[in-house]
Amino acid sequence: MQDTIDVKSILRVFIKGAKVLIAFTLIGLLIMFLISKFVITPKYTSNVSLYVSSTSENANNALNTNDITASQKLIDTYIVILQQREAVKQVAEEVALTMPCTIKQVQEAISMSAKSNTWVLQISAVTDDPNLSAAICNAMARVAPEILTDVVGAGSAKSIGTAVPSATPSSPNIVTNSIFGALMGFVLAAVILLVRYMTDTTVKSEEDLKNRYNVPILGEIPDFYQQKKGGYSYGK
């Protein structure tokens, strides 16, 4: 077994095993491409936004700093309320009027977040059906204002536009996955080559013998099959 390994040795190992590295890299790329293209179910994402205010929708007074701060804090509260089962149930029932939908589907698909330093609450839905993703977002945008008003008793939430079905899947990312597969194939091949080198106990040269056993070399028996070693080939 090799006791040490330096950069030059690593480079020699990789150069000698270039075909193995290339083969494993291509195999890894191909495997991840096929998995991403034909095995992983595509997911589609739709989004809709709600404008959140701490004042009543019909209030005419000008907004001040306190209103802005209160609205931003309200968003976190609204997210908690809209993630409750009762709210999710209303969304599922709203969607079910036009297409099959369950509470579990809505729970697994929907997510909400506050856009930094704004009064906007973004609602996203991810499913394997672009129409269902859009329907869940729009249903939440419709039922959310009433739910929030009933629970909080103050403030307002208004939908900004509508969600539309996505024409392209948001996942999987075939290019990224393929590159990752190629990288994993290369790393695996590199590890295999290094392990084989580190566990190889054969002596390959005079220098190798000196380094391994730290003894003087008195002579070397030529290889009769290699002319460059001073031997004779059968052709002469």
Protein backbone atom coordinates (compact mmCIF):
# COMPACT_ATOMS: atom_id res chain seq x y z
CA MET A 1 0.00 0.00 0.00
CA GLN A 2 1.28 3.50 -0.85
CA ASP A 3 2.31 5.44 2.28
CA THR A 4 2.14 8.88 0.70
CA ILE A 5 0.72 10.46 -2.42
CA ASP A 6 1.75 13.83 -3.87
CA VAL A 7 0.24 16.13 -6.47
CA LYS A 8 2.41 14.76 -9.28
CA SER A 9 1.34 11.22 -8.45
CA ILE A 10 -2.31 12.26 -8.45
CA LEU A 11 -1.92 13.92 -11.85
CA ARG A 12 -0.21 10.82 -13.25
CA VAL A 13 -3.01 8.63 -11.90
CA PHE A 14 -5.67 10.86 -13.48
CA ILE A 15 -3.85 11.14 -16.81
CA LYS A 16 -3.37 7.39 -16.97
CA GLY A 17 -7.02 6.84 -16.04
CA ALA A 18 -8.40 9.59 -18.32
CA LYS A 19 -10.60 7.13 -20.19
CA VAL A 20 -12.13 5.93 -16.93
CA LEU A 21 -12.78 9.51 -15.79
CA ILE A 22 -14.43 10.43 -19.08
CA ALA A 23 -16.52 7.26 -19.17
CA PHE A 24 -17.82 7.66 -15.60
CA THR A 25 -18.53 11.36 -16.20
CA LEU A 26 -20.60 10.62 -19.31
CA ILE A 27 -22.41 7.74 -17.61
CA GLY A 28 -23.29 9.93 -14.63
CA LEU A 29 -24.53 12.69 -16.92
CA LEU A 30 -26.64 10.26 -18.96
CA ILE A 31 -28.16 8.58 -15.91
CA MET A 32 -29.24 11.87 -14.31
CA PHE A 33 -30.55 13.17 -17.64
CA LEU A 34 -32.72 10.08 -18.12
CA ILE A 35 -33.96 10.17 -14.52
CA SER A 36 -34.81 13.88 -14.73
CA LYS A 37 -36.43 13.55 -18.14
CA PHE A 38 -38.42 10.34 -17.77
CA VAL A 39 -38.61 9.33 -14.09
CA ILE A 40 -39.07 12.46 -11.95
CA THR A 41 -42.57 13.91 -12.21
CA PRO A 42 -42.50 17.53 -13.46
CA LYS A 43 -43.79 20.16 -11.04
CA TYR A 44 -45.48 23.43 -12.00
CA THR A 45 -45.48 26.59 -9.91
CA SER A 46 -48.03 29.41 -9.91
CA ASN A 47 -47.99 32.61 -7.86
CA VAL A 48 -50.40 35.31 -6.76
CA SER A 49 -49.91 38.24 -4.39
CA LEU A 50 -52.05 39.95 -1.76
CA TYR A 51 -51.69 43.57 -0.78
CA VAL A 52 -51.92 43.74 3.01
CA SER A 53 -52.94 46.84 4.97
CA SER A 54 -53.51 47.40 8.66
CA THR A 55 -56.34 49.86 7.89
CA SER A 56 -59.80 49.15 6.62
CA GLU A 57 -60.22 48.82 2.87
CA ASN A 58 -62.64 51.74 2.89
CA ALA A 59 -60.52 54.02 5.08
CA ASN A 60 -59.63 57.33 3.43
CA ASN A 61 -57.01 58.56 5.88
CA ALA A 62 -53.45 58.80 4.62
CA LEU A 63 -51.07 56.04 5.58
CA ASN A 64 -48.40 56.89 8.11
CA THR A 65 -45.29 55.15 9.46
CA ASN A 66 -47.28 53.29 12.10
CA ASP A 67 -49.60 51.89 9.41
CA ILE A 68 -46.61 50.68 7.37
CA THR A 69 -45.00 48.95 10.34
CA ALA A 70 -48.29 47.39 11.41
CA SER A 71 -48.99 46.10 7.91
CA GLN A 72 -45.62 44.42 7.67
CA LYS A 73 -46.10 42.74 11.03
CA LEU A 74 -49.60 41.66 10.06
CA ILE A 75 -48.27 39.60 7.15
CA ASP A 76 -46.62 37.07 9.45
CA THR A 77 -49.88 36.76 11.39
CA TYR A 78 -51.86 36.35 8.18
CA ILE A 79 -49.57 33.56 7.01
CA VAL A 80 -50.18 31.61 10.22
CA ILE A 81 -53.94 32.08 9.91
CA LEU A 82 -54.10 31.06 6.24
CA GLN A 83 -52.09 27.90 6.90
CA GLN A 84 -54.67 26.61 9.38
CA ARG A 85 -56.74 23.62 8.35
CA GLU A 86 -60.02 25.56 8.24
CA ALA A 87 -58.59 28.03 5.74
CA VAL A 88 -57.03 25.25 3.67
CA LYS A 89 -60.36 23.41 3.68
CA GLN A 90 -62.13 26.44 2.23
CA VAL A 91 -59.51 26.69 -0.52
CA ALA A 92 -59.88 22.99 -1.37
CA GLU A 93 -63.68 23.33 -1.55
CA GLU A 94 -63.34 26.39 -3.79
CA VAL A 95 -61.01 24.55 -6.18
CA ALA A 96 -63.17 21.41 -6.12
CA LEU A 97 -65.96 23.36 -7.81
CA THR A 98 -64.03 23.17 -11.08
CA MET A 99 -61.55 20.31 -10.67
CA PRO A 100 -60.73 17.46 -8.26
CA CYS A 101 -58.85 18.74 -5.21
CA THR A 102 -58.33 17.58 -1.63
CA ILE A 103 -57.25 19.31 1.57
CA LYS A 104 -54.04 17.27 1.54
CA GLN A 105 -53.20 18.45 -1.97
CA VAL A 106 -53.61 22.08 -0.94
CA GLN A 107 -51.55 21.61 2.25
CA GLU A 108 -48.70 20.00 0.33
CA ALA A 109 -48.81 22.46 -2.58
CA ILE A 110 -49.24 25.87 -1.01
CA SER A 111 -46.62 28.12 0.56
CA MET A 112 -46.64 31.78 1.59
CA SER A 113 -43.99 34.38 2.22
CA ALA A 114 -43.67 38.11 2.80
CA LYS A 115 -41.75 40.13 0.25
CA SER A 116 -39.02 42.04 2.06
CA ASN A 117 -39.93 45.57 3.19
CA THR A 118 -43.27 45.53 1.38
CA TRP A 119 -46.93 45.05 2.26
CA VAL A 120 -47.17 42.18 -0.19
CA LEU A 121 -47.92 38.58 0.77
CA GLN A 122 -46.93 36.14 -1.98
CA ILE A 123 -48.83 32.88 -2.31
CA SER A 124 -47.30 30.00 -4.30
CA ALA A 125 -48.59 26.57 -5.23
CA VAL A 126 -46.56 23.69 -6.65
CA THR A 127 -48.24 20.59 -8.11
CA ASP A 128 -47.82 18.23 -11.06
CA ASP A 129 -50.73 19.98 -12.82
CA PRO A 130 -50.22 23.60 -13.97
CA ASN A 131 -53.96 24.26 -13.94
CA LEU A 132 -54.31 22.96 -10.39
CA SER A 133 -51.41 25.12 -9.18
CA ALA A 134 -53.05 28.24 -10.62
CA ALA A 135 -56.47 27.27 -9.28
CA ILE A 136 -55.15 26.82 -5.73
CA CYS A 137 -53.48 30.25 -5.79
CA ASN A 138 -56.58 31.99 -7.13
CA ALA A 139 -58.85 30.21 -4.66
CA MET A 140 -56.66 31.31 -1.76
CA ALA A 141 -56.65 34.87 -3.07
CA ARG A 142 -60.46 34.82 -3.16
CA VAL A 143 -61.12 33.35 0.28
CA ALA A 144 -58.21 34.95 2.15
CA PRO A 145 -59.67 38.47 2.61
CA GLU A 146 -62.86 37.16 4.21
CA ILE A 147 -61.00 34.68 6.44
CA LEU A 148 -58.55 37.32 7.62
CA THR A 149 -61.27 39.89 8.30
CA ASP A 150 -63.29 37.37 10.31
CA VAL A 151 -60.31 36.26 12.39
CA VAL A 152 -58.34 39.48 12.83
CA GLY A 153 -61.28 41.88 12.77
CA ALA A 154 -59.16 44.67 11.33
CA GLY A 155 -57.10 45.50 8.27
CA SER A 156 -57.61 44.29 4.74
CA ALA A 157 -56.08 42.06 2.07
CA LYS A 158 -56.57 42.56 -1.64
CA SER A 159 -55.52 40.32 -4.51
CA ILE A 160 -52.98 41.72 -6.98
CA GLY A 161 -53.79 40.13 -10.32
CA THR A 162 -54.46 36.42 -10.82
CA ALA A 163 -52.34 33.30 -11.08
CA VAL A 164 -51.97 31.69 -14.51
CA PRO A 165 -50.98 28.11 -15.39
CA SER A 166 -47.27 27.79 -16.07
CA ALA A 167 -46.28 26.61 -19.54
CA THR A 168 -42.97 25.15 -18.34
CA PRO A 169 -42.22 23.00 -15.28
CA SER A 170 -40.36 24.58 -12.39
CA SER A 171 -38.73 21.27 -11.55
CA PRO A 172 -36.81 19.15 -12.16
CA ASN A 173 -34.02 21.25 -13.65
CA ILE A 174 -32.71 18.82 -16.25
CA VAL A 175 -29.54 20.79 -17.04
CA THR A 176 -28.57 21.23 -13.39
CA ASN A 177 -29.31 17.60 -12.56
CA SER A 178 -27.31 16.38 -15.56
CA ILE A 179 -24.31 18.49 -14.57
CA PHE A 180 -24.60 17.16 -11.02
CA GLY A 181 -24.68 13.59 -12.37
CA ALA A 182 -21.58 14.24 -14.47
CA LEU A 183 -19.78 15.69 -11.44
CA MET A 184 -20.73 12.70 -9.27
CA GLY A 185 -19.51 10.32 -11.99
CA PHE A 186 -16.18 12.14 -12.19
CA VAL A 187 -15.74 12.14 -8.40
CA LEU A 188 -16.59 8.43 -8.19
CA ALA A 189 -14.07 7.60 -10.91
CA ALA A 190 -11.42 9.75 -9.23
CA VAL A 191 -11.97 8.01 -5.89
CA ILE A 192 -11.75 4.58 -7.52
CA LEU A 193 -8.48 5.49 -9.29
CA LEU A 194 -6.94 6.91 -6.12
CA VAL A 195 -7.97 3.93 -4.01
CA ARG A 196 -6.52 1.54 -6.57
CA TYR A 197 -3.29 3.53 -6.60
CA MET A 198 -3.06 3.72 -2.81
CA THR A 199 -3.67 -0.03 -2.40
CA ASP A 200 -1.32 -1.09 -5.22
CA THR A 201 1.67 -2.88 -3.65
CA THR A 202 3.63 -3.56 -6.84
CA VAL A 203 7.01 -1.87 -7.36
CA LYS A 204 7.04 0.01 -10.63
CA SER A 205 10.47 1.62 -10.74
CA GLU A 206 13.86 1.96 -9.08
CA GLU A 207 12.74 5.23 -7.51
CA ASP A 208 9.60 3.55 -6.16
CA LEU A 209 11.77 0.86 -4.54
CA LYS A 210 14.07 3.43 -2.91
CA ASN A 211 11.15 5.45 -1.53
CA ARG A 212 9.35 2.43 -0.18
CA TYR A 213 12.18 0.52 1.49
CA ASN A 214 14.90 3.17 1.85
CA VAL A 215 17.69 0.84 0.68
CA PRO A 216 20.44 1.34 -1.95
CA ILE A 217 19.85 -0.21 -5.36
CA LEU A 218 22.85 -2.33 -6.45
CA GLY A 219 21.53 -3.38 -9.83
CA GLU A 220 18.50 -3.74 -12.07
CA ILE A 221 17.46 -6.73 -14.16
CA PRO A 222 16.48 -5.53 -17.65
CA ASP A 223 13.13 -6.36 -19.14
CA PHE A 224 13.89 -8.53 -22.16
CA TYR A 225 10.57 -7.59 -23.73
CA GLN A 226 11.19 -3.83 -23.70
CA GLN A 227 14.02 -2.44 -25.81
CA LYS A 228 14.15 0.82 -23.83
CA LYS A 229 15.15 -1.16 -20.72
CA GLY A 230 18.18 -2.65 -22.45
CA GLY A 231 16.66 -6.05 -23.21
CA TYR A 232 16.17 -7.80 -26.51
CA SER A 233 12.90 -8.33 -28.25
CA TYR A 234 12.01 -11.54 -30.03
CA GLY A 235 12.10 -9.64 -33.30
CA LYS A 236 15.92 -9.38 -33.21
